PDB file of N, CA and C in Angstrom:
ATOM      1  N   MET A   1     -41.419 -48.431  54.869  1.00  0.00           N
ATOM      2  CA  MET A   1     -40.446 -47.456  55.309  1.00  0.00           C
ATOM      3  C   MET A   1     -41.050 -46.603  56.399  1.00  0.00           C
ATOM      4  N   GLY A   2     -40.389 -46.505  57.479  1.00  0.00           N
ATOM      5  CA  GLY A   2     -40.855 -45.657  58.556  1.00  0.00           C
ATOM      6  C   GLY A   2     -42.253 -46.024  58.991  1.00  0.00           C
ATOM      7  N   ASN A   3     -43.098 -45.000  59.120  1.00  0.00           N
ATOM      8  CA  ASN A   3     -44.466 -45.206  59.574  1.00  0.00           C
ATOM      9  C   ASN A   3     -45.468 -45.274  58.433  1.00  0.00           C
ATOM     10  N   ARG A   4     -44.974 -45.445  57.194  1.00  0.00           N
ATOM     11  CA  ARG A   4     -45.887 -45.518  56.061  1.00  0.00           C
ATOM     12  C   ARG A   4     -46.753 -46.748  56.151  1.00  0.00           C
ATOM     13  N   ARG A   5     -47.992 -46.588  55.763  1.00  0.00           N
ATOM     14  CA  ARG A   5     -48.919 -47.701  55.719  1.00  0.00           C
ATOM     15  C   ARG A   5     -49.322 -47.955  54.279  1.00  0.00           C
ATOM     16  N   GLU A   6     -49.801 -49.154  54.015  1.00  0.00           N
ATOM     17  CA  GLU A   6     -50.278 -49.508  52.678  1.00  0.00           C
ATOM     18  C   GLU A   6     -51.297 -48.486  52.208  1.00  0.00           C
ATOM     19  N   GLY A   7     -51.114 -47.989  51.005  1.00  0.00           N
ATOM     20  CA  GLY A   7     -52.038 -47.008  50.446  1.00  0.00           C
ATOM     21  C   GLY A   7     -51.612 -45.575  50.665  1.00  0.00           C
ATOM     22  N   ASP A   8     -50.667 -45.317  51.587  1.00  0.00           N
ATOM     23  CA  ASP A   8     -50.175 -43.953  51.787  1.00  0.00           C
ATOM     24  C   ASP A   8     -49.442 -43.486  50.542  1.00  0.00           C
ATOM     25  N   GLU A   9     -49.467 -42.204  50.302  1.00  0.00           N
ATOM     26  CA  GLU A   9     -48.705 -41.640  49.196  1.00  0.00           C
ATOM     27  C   GLU A   9     -47.219 -41.839  49.486  1.00  0.00           C
ATOM     28  N   PRO A  10     -46.436 -42.178  48.457  1.00  0.00           N
ATOM     29  CA  PRO A  10     -45.002 -42.389  48.687  1.00  0.00           C
ATOM     30  C   PRO A  10     -44.303 -41.088  49.042  1.00  0.00           C
ATOM     31  N   ALA A  11     -43.252 -41.224  49.822  1.00  0.00           N
ATOM     32  CA  ALA A  11     -42.437 -40.076  50.206  1.00  0.00           C
ATOM     33  C   ALA A  11     -41.410 -39.856  49.099  1.00  0.00           C
ATOM     34  N   VAL A  12     -41.790 -39.091  48.077  1.00  0.00           N
ATOM     35  CA  VAL A  12     -40.945 -38.902  46.904  1.00  0.00           C
ATOM     36  C   VAL A  12     -39.624 -38.255  47.276  1.00  0.00           C
ATOM     37  N   ASP A  13     -39.567 -37.511  48.370  1.00  0.00           N
ATOM     38  CA  ASP A  13     -38.315 -36.877  48.753  1.00  0.00           C
ATOM     39  C   ASP A  13     -37.244 -37.893  49.162  1.00  0.00           C
ATOM     40  N   LEU A  14     -37.620 -39.179  49.272  1.00  0.00           N
ATOM     41  CA  LEU A  14     -36.625 -40.207  49.535  1.00  0.00           C
ATOM     42  C   LEU A  14     -35.730 -40.426  48.318  1.00  0.00           C
ATOM     43  N   LEU A  15     -36.188 -39.998  47.168  1.00  0.00           N
ATOM     44  CA  LEU A  15     -35.445 -40.149  45.924  1.00  0.00           C
ATOM     45  C   LEU A  15     -35.178 -38.768  45.329  1.00  0.00           C
ATOM     46  N   PRO A  16     -34.258 -37.995  45.916  1.00  0.00           N
ATOM     47  CA  PRO A  16     -34.095 -36.598  45.529  1.00  0.00           C
ATOM     48  C   PRO A  16     -33.640 -36.393  44.083  1.00  0.00           C
ATOM     49  N   ILE A  17     -33.015 -37.389  43.443  1.00  0.00           N
ATOM     50  CA  ILE A  17     -32.575 -37.179  42.073  1.00  0.00           C
ATOM     51  C   ILE A  17     -33.599 -37.654  41.054  1.00  0.00           C
ATOM     52  N   LEU A  18     -34.627 -38.332  41.505  1.00  0.00           N
ATOM     53  CA  LEU A  18     -35.694 -38.776  40.617  1.00  0.00           C
ATOM     54  C   LEU A  18     -36.948 -37.972  40.889  1.00  0.00           C
ATOM     55  N   ARG A  19     -37.679 -37.714  39.813  1.00  0.00           N
ATOM     56  CA  ARG A  19     -38.924 -36.949  39.947  1.00  0.00           C
ATOM     57  C   ARG A  19     -40.064 -37.750  39.336  1.00  0.00           C
ATOM     58  N   PRO A  20     -41.275 -37.540  39.819  1.00  0.00           N
ATOM     59  CA  PRO A  20     -42.407 -38.229  39.203  1.00  0.00           C
ATOM     60  C   PRO A  20     -42.395 -38.007  37.692  1.00  0.00           C
ATOM     61  N   GLY A  21     -42.632 -39.098  36.974  1.00  0.00           N
ATOM     62  CA  GLY A  21     -42.607 -39.056  35.522  1.00  0.00           C
ATOM     63  C   GLY A  21     -41.279 -39.499  34.922  1.00  0.00           C
ATOM     64  N   ASP A  22     -40.206 -39.543  35.749  1.00  0.00           N
ATOM     65  CA  ASP A  22     -38.917 -40.026  35.258  1.00  0.00           C
ATOM     66  C   ASP A  22     -39.018 -41.509  34.926  1.00  0.00           C
ATOM     67  N   LYS A  23     -38.152 -41.934  34.016  1.00  0.00           N
ATOM     68  CA  LYS A  23     -38.102 -43.338  33.625  1.00  0.00           C
ATOM     69  C   LYS A  23     -36.935 -44.024  34.324  1.00  0.00           C
ATOM     70  N   VAL A  24     -37.166 -45.281  34.711  1.00  0.00           N
ATOM     71  CA  VAL A  24     -36.132 -46.111  35.335  1.00  0.00           C
ATOM     72  C   VAL A  24     -36.018 -47.380  34.490  1.00  0.00           C
ATOM     73  N   GLY A  25     -34.819 -47.645  33.977  1.00  0.00           N
ATOM     74  CA  GLY A  25     -34.608 -48.816  33.140  1.00  0.00           C
ATOM     75  C   GLY A  25     -34.258 -50.041  33.951  1.00  0.00           C
ATOM     76  N   LEU A  26     -34.858 -51.158  33.590  1.00  0.00           N
ATOM     77  CA  LEU A  26     -34.564 -52.448  34.217  1.00  0.00           C
ATOM     78  C   LEU A  26     -33.943 -53.339  33.152  1.00  0.00           C
ATOM     79  N   ILE A  27     -32.715 -53.780  33.397  1.00  0.00           N
ATOM     80  CA  ILE A  27     -31.981 -54.570  32.413  1.00  0.00           C
ATOM     81  C   ILE A  27     -31.070 -55.554  33.130  1.00  0.00           C
ATOM     82  N   ALA A  28     -30.793 -56.647  32.465  1.00  0.00           N
ATOM     83  CA  ALA A  28     -29.778 -57.597  32.927  1.00  0.00           C
ATOM     84  C   ALA A  28     -28.692 -57.595  31.857  1.00  0.00           C
ATOM     85  N   CYS A  29     -27.539 -57.076  32.192  1.00  0.00           N
ATOM     86  CA  CYS A  29     -26.479 -56.898  31.189  1.00  0.00           C
ATOM     87  C   CYS A  29     -25.655 -58.143  30.934  1.00  0.00           C
ATOM     88  N   SER A  30     -25.757 -59.146  31.766  1.00  0.00           N
ATOM     89  CA  SER A  30     -25.035 -60.397  31.464  1.00  0.00           C
ATOM     90  C   SER A  30     -25.981 -61.559  31.720  1.00  0.00           C
ATOM     91  N   ASP A  31     -25.968 -62.103  32.926  1.00  0.00           N
ATOM     92  CA  ASP A  31     -26.900 -63.199  33.173  1.00  0.00           C
ATOM     93  C   ASP A  31     -28.278 -62.620  33.440  1.00  0.00           C
ATOM     94  N   GLY A  32     -29.279 -63.173  32.766  1.00  0.00           N
ATOM     95  CA  GLY A  32     -30.630 -62.648  32.876  1.00  0.00           C
ATOM     96  C   GLY A  32     -31.328 -63.069  34.151  1.00  0.00           C
ATOM     97  N   VAL A  33     -32.397 -62.397  34.437  1.00  0.00           N
ATOM     98  CA  VAL A  33     -33.236 -62.717  35.589  1.00  0.00           C
ATOM     99  C   VAL A  33     -34.024 -63.988  35.246  1.00  0.00           C
ATOM    100  N   PRO A  34     -34.063 -64.960  36.141  1.00  0.00           N
ATOM    101  CA  PRO A  34     -34.847 -66.166  35.863  1.00  0.00           C
ATOM    102  C   PRO A  34     -36.332 -65.833  35.724  1.00  0.00           C
ATOM    103  N   LEU A  35     -37.002 -66.494  34.813  1.00  0.00           N
ATOM    104  CA  LEU A  35     -38.436 -66.256  34.622  1.00  0.00           C
ATOM    105  C   LEU A  35     -39.224 -66.475  35.902  1.00  0.00           C
ATOM    106  N   GLU A  36     -38.722 -67.351  36.774  1.00  0.00           N
ATOM    107  CA  GLU A  36     -39.407 -67.611  38.045  1.00  0.00           C
ATOM    108  C   GLU A  36     -39.450 -66.354  38.916  1.00  0.00           C
ATOM    109  N   SER A  37     -38.623 -65.370  38.604  1.00  0.00           N
ATOM    110  CA  SER A  37     -38.583 -64.130  39.380  1.00  0.00           C
ATOM    111  C   SER A  37     -39.465 -63.038  38.789  1.00  0.00           C
ATOM    112  N   SER A  38     -40.280 -63.381  37.803  1.00  0.00           N
ATOM    113  CA  SER A  38     -41.107 -62.357  37.163  1.00  0.00           C
ATOM    114  C   SER A  38     -42.079 -61.693  38.142  1.00  0.00           C
ATOM    115  N   THR A  39     -42.535 -62.428  39.147  1.00  0.00           N
ATOM    116  CA  THR A  39     -43.423 -61.838  40.150  1.00  0.00           C
ATOM    117  C   THR A  39     -42.690 -60.751  40.933  1.00  0.00           C
ATOM    118  N   ALA A  40     -41.438 -61.000  41.282  1.00  0.00           N
ATOM    119  CA  ALA A  40     -40.646 -59.999  42.006  1.00  0.00           C
ATOM    120  C   ALA A  40     -40.406 -58.772  41.129  1.00  0.00           C
ATOM    121  N   ILE A  41     -40.171 -58.983  39.839  1.00  0.00           N
ATOM    122  CA  ILE A  41     -39.985 -57.853  38.922  1.00  0.00           C
ATOM    123  C   ILE A  41     -41.276 -57.054  38.831  1.00  0.00           C
ATOM    124  N   ASP A  42     -42.413 -57.740  38.752  1.00  0.00           N
ATOM    125  CA  ASP A  42     -43.713 -57.048  38.727  1.00  0.00           C
ATOM    126  C   ASP A  42     -43.910 -56.213  39.987  1.00  0.00           C
ATOM    127  N   GLU A  43     -43.515 -56.744  41.133  1.00  0.00           N
ATOM    128  CA  GLU A  43     -43.625 -55.999  42.395  1.00  0.00           C
ATOM    129  C   GLU A  43     -42.718 -54.770  42.371  1.00  0.00           C
ATOM    130  N   LEU A  44     -41.513 -54.932  41.832  1.00  0.00           N
ATOM    131  CA  LEU A  44     -40.590 -53.801  41.708  1.00  0.00           C
ATOM    132  C   LEU A  44     -41.182 -52.715  40.815  1.00  0.00           C
ATOM    133  N   ILE A  45     -41.769 -53.115  39.709  1.00  0.00           N
ATOM    134  CA  ILE A  45     -42.380 -52.148  38.791  1.00  0.00           C
ATOM    135  C   ILE A  45     -43.516 -51.410  39.488  1.00  0.00           C
ATOM    136  N   ARG A  46     -44.343 -52.129  40.220  1.00  0.00           N
ATOM    137  CA  ARG A  46     -45.449 -51.472  40.950  1.00  0.00           C
ATOM    138  C   ARG A  46     -44.913 -50.506  42.002  1.00  0.00           C
ATOM    139  N   ALA A  47     -43.828 -50.873  42.680  1.00  0.00           N
ATOM    140  CA  ALA A  47     -43.224 -49.977  43.679  1.00  0.00           C
ATOM    141  C   ALA A  47     -42.712 -48.706  43.007  1.00  0.00           C
ATOM    142  N   LEU A  48     -42.047 -48.848  41.877  1.00  0.00           N
ATOM    143  CA  LEU A  48     -41.564 -47.664  41.152  1.00  0.00           C
ATOM    144  C   LEU A  48     -42.734 -46.789  40.722  1.00  0.00           C
ATOM    145  N   GLU A  49     -43.810 -47.405  40.263  1.00  0.00           N
ATOM    146  CA  GLU A  49     -44.996 -46.656  39.843  1.00  0.00           C
ATOM    147  C   GLU A  49     -45.622 -45.911  41.010  1.00  0.00           C
ATOM    148  N   ARG A  50     -45.568 -46.490  42.205  1.00  0.00           N
ATOM    149  CA  ARG A  50     -46.110 -45.791  43.383  1.00  0.00           C
ATOM    150  C   ARG A  50     -45.323 -44.514  43.679  1.00  0.00           C
ATOM    151  N   PHE A  51     -44.058 -44.487  43.250  1.00  0.00           N
ATOM    152  CA  PHE A  51     -43.244 -43.278  43.388  1.00  0.00           C
ATOM    153  C   PHE A  51     -43.460 -42.327  42.218  1.00  0.00           C
ATOM    154  N   GLY A  52     -44.351 -42.692  41.310  1.00  0.00           N
ATOM    155  CA  GLY A  52     -44.618 -41.843  40.160  1.00  0.00           C
ATOM    156  C   GLY A  52     -43.616 -42.040  39.037  1.00  0.00           C
ATOM    157  N   LEU A  53     -42.837 -43.107  39.108  1.00  0.00           N
ATOM    158  CA  LEU A  53     -41.811 -43.374  38.106  1.00  0.00           C
ATOM    159  C   LEU A  53     -42.333 -44.359  37.063  1.00  0.00           C
ATOM    160  N   GLU A  54     -41.752 -44.294  35.874  1.00  0.00           N
ATOM    161  CA  GLU A  54     -42.126 -45.217  34.808  1.00  0.00           C
ATOM    162  C   GLU A  54     -41.014 -46.243  34.629  1.00  0.00           C
ATOM    163  N   ALA A  55     -41.342 -47.488  34.787  1.00  0.00           N
ATOM    164  CA  ALA A  55     -40.364 -48.559  34.609  1.00  0.00           C
ATOM    165  C   ALA A  55     -40.322 -48.944  33.133  1.00  0.00           C
ATOM    166  N   VAL A  56     -39.116 -48.997  32.589  1.00  0.00           N
ATOM    167  CA  VAL A  56     -38.904 -49.424  31.210  1.00  0.00           C
ATOM    168  C   VAL A  56     -38.086 -50.708  31.276  1.00  0.00           C
ATOM    169  N   THR A  57     -38.656 -51.798  30.802  1.00  0.00           N
ATOM    170  CA  THR A  57     -37.956 -53.080  30.876  1.00  0.00           C
ATOM    171  C   THR A  57     -37.303 -53.400  29.539  1.00  0.00           C
ATOM    172  N   ALA A  58     -36.043 -53.768  29.608  1.00  0.00           N
ATOM    173  CA  ALA A  58     -35.303 -54.165  28.414  1.00  0.00           C
ATOM    174  C   ALA A  58     -35.772 -55.541  27.964  1.00  0.00           C
ATOM    175  N   LYS A  59     -35.674 -55.790  26.673  1.00  0.00           N
ATOM    176  CA  LYS A  59     -36.042 -57.095  26.130  1.00  0.00           C
ATOM    177  C   LYS A  59     -35.097 -58.182  26.627  1.00  0.00           C
ATOM    178  N   THR A  60     -33.962 -57.784  27.153  1.00  0.00           N
ATOM    179  CA  THR A  60     -32.975 -58.748  27.643  1.00  0.00           C
ATOM    180  C   THR A  60     -32.969 -58.856  29.168  1.00  0.00           C
ATOM    181  N   LEU A  61     -34.071 -58.517  29.798  1.00  0.00           N
ATOM    182  CA  LEU A  61     -34.132 -58.599  31.259  1.00  0.00           C
ATOM    183  C   LEU A  61     -34.139 -60.052  31.738  1.00  0.00           C
ATOM    184  N   PHE A  62     -34.907 -60.889  31.077  1.00  0.00           N
ATOM    185  CA  PHE A  62     -35.054 -62.274  31.519  1.00  0.00           C
ATOM    186  C   PHE A  62     -34.147 -63.214  30.728  1.00  0.00           C
ATOM    187  N   ARG A  63     -33.782 -64.318  31.352  1.00  0.00           N
ATOM    188  CA  ARG A  63     -32.931 -65.338  30.718  1.00  0.00           C
ATOM    189  C   ARG A  63     -33.627 -65.920  29.494  1.00  0.00           C
ATOM    190  N   LYS A  64     -32.819 -66.186  28.486  1.00  0.00           N
ATOM    191  CA  LYS A  64     -33.321 -66.851  27.281  1.00  0.00           C
ATOM    192  C   LYS A  64     -32.647 -68.195  27.102  1.00  0.00           C
ATOM    193  N   ASP A  65     -31.355 -68.149  26.875  1.00  0.00           N
ATOM    194  CA  ASP A  65     -30.578 -69.351  26.582  1.00  0.00           C
ATOM    195  C   ASP A  65     -29.635 -69.628  27.748  1.00  0.00           C
ATOM    196  N   GLY A  66     -29.973 -70.624  28.549  1.00  0.00           N
ATOM    197  CA  GLY A  66     -29.137 -70.909  29.709  1.00  0.00           C
ATOM    198  C   GLY A  66     -29.195 -69.761  30.705  1.00  0.00           C
ATOM    199  N   TRP A  67     -28.035 -69.193  31.001  1.00  0.00           N
ATOM    200  CA  TRP A  67     -27.954 -68.115  31.991  1.00  0.00           C
ATOM    201  C   TRP A  67     -28.116 -66.734  31.375  1.00  0.00           C
ATOM    202  N   PHE A  68     -27.887 -66.622  30.079  1.00  0.00           N
ATOM    203  CA  PHE A  68     -27.814 -65.299  29.468  1.00  0.00           C
ATOM    204  C   PHE A  68     -29.171 -64.803  28.967  1.00  0.00           C
ATOM    205  N   SER A  69     -29.286 -63.494  28.868  1.00  0.00           N
ATOM    206  CA  SER A  69     -30.533 -62.860  28.449  1.00  0.00           C
ATOM    207  C   SER A  69     -30.488 -62.470  26.973  1.00  0.00           C
ATOM    208  N   GLY A  70     -29.481 -62.911  26.288  1.00  0.00           N
ATOM    209  CA  GLY A  70     -29.320 -62.611  24.869  1.00  0.00           C
ATOM    210  C   GLY A  70     -27.847 -62.657  24.515  1.00  0.00           C
ATOM    211  N   ASN A  71     -27.560 -62.544  23.237  1.00  0.00           N
ATOM    212  CA  ASN A  71     -26.148 -62.532  22.859  1.00  0.00           C
ATOM    213  C   ASN A  71     -25.557 -61.157  23.173  1.00  0.00           C
ATOM    214  N   PRO A  72     -24.232 -61.014  23.129  1.00  0.00           N
ATOM    215  CA  PRO A  72     -23.618 -59.736  23.505  1.00  0.00           C
ATOM    216  C   PRO A  72     -24.145 -58.536  22.724  1.00  0.00           C
ATOM    217  N   GLU A  73     -24.413 -58.719  21.448  1.00  0.00           N
ATOM    218  CA  GLU A  73     -24.924 -57.606  20.629  1.00  0.00           C
ATOM    219  C   GLU A  73     -26.322 -57.188  21.075  1.00  0.00           C
ATOM    220  N   GLU A  74     -27.175 -58.162  21.358  1.00  0.00           N
ATOM    221  CA  GLU A  74     -28.532 -57.862  21.828  1.00  0.00           C
ATOM    222  C   GLU A  74     -28.492 -57.116  23.161  1.00  0.00           C
ATOM    223  N   ARG A  75     -27.662 -57.604  24.076  1.00  0.00           N
ATOM    224  CA  ARG A  75     -27.582 -56.970  25.395  1.00  0.00           C
ATOM    225  C   ARG A  75     -27.035 -55.558  25.293  1.00  0.00           C
ATOM    226  N   ALA A  76     -26.025 -55.352  24.460  1.00  0.00           N
ATOM    227  CA  ALA A  76     -25.464 -54.009  24.281  1.00  0.00           C
ATOM    228  C   ALA A  76     -26.486 -53.080  23.650  1.00  0.00           C
ATOM    229  N   ALA A  77     -27.229 -53.561  22.662  1.00  0.00           N
ATOM    230  CA  ALA A  77     -28.247 -52.734  22.009  1.00  0.00           C
ATOM    231  C   ALA A  77     -29.331 -52.323  22.994  1.00  0.00           C
ATOM    232  N   GLN A  78     -29.728 -53.247  23.857  1.00  0.00           N
ATOM    233  CA  GLN A  78     -30.763 -52.921  24.839  1.00  0.00           C
ATOM    234  C   GLN A  78     -30.249 -51.899  25.865  1.00  0.00           C
ATOM    235  N   LEU A  79     -29.007 -52.036  26.285  1.00  0.00           N
ATOM    236  CA  LEU A  79     -28.419 -51.066  27.220  1.00  0.00           C
ATOM    237  C   LEU A  79     -28.397 -49.691  26.579  1.00  0.00           C
ATOM    238  N   HIS A  80     -27.949 -49.605  25.343  1.00  0.00           N
ATOM    239  CA  HIS A  80     -27.897 -48.319  24.634  1.00  0.00           C
ATOM    240  C   HIS A  80     -29.300 -47.733  24.465  1.00  0.00           C
ATOM    241  N   ALA A  81     -30.277 -48.579  24.210  1.00  0.00           N
ATOM    242  CA  ALA A  81     -31.652 -48.111  24.023  1.00  0.00           C
ATOM    243  C   ALA A  81     -32.220 -47.459  25.279  1.00  0.00           C
ATOM    244  N   LEU A  82     -31.741 -47.892  26.435  1.00  0.00           N
ATOM    245  CA  LEU A  82     -32.248 -47.312  27.689  1.00  0.00           C
ATOM    246  C   LEU A  82     -31.722 -45.899  27.933  1.00  0.00           C
ATOM    247  N   PHE A  83     -30.656 -45.544  27.239  1.00  0.00           N
ATOM    248  CA  PHE A  83     -30.132 -44.185  27.386  1.00  0.00           C
ATOM    249  C   PHE A  83     -30.819 -43.300  26.396  1.00  0.00           C
TER     250      PHE A  83
END
């Protein structure tokens, strides 16, 4: 972003409603993220951490059976747990 270089402190003011220490939930509410994308999810988590945020991943983030990340009850429970 802008003139930022690798290793620079993040510009937290880019996220005015989030503050360091806040939690950000990662969930897939219907079709799950393919396991092949776990590297991208890891990169996302590291980016959030650079902003001082804590990433909380739902147990239903990744696909389990076919396209879905769990049955409807599991997905709903995980969504509720993030609140």
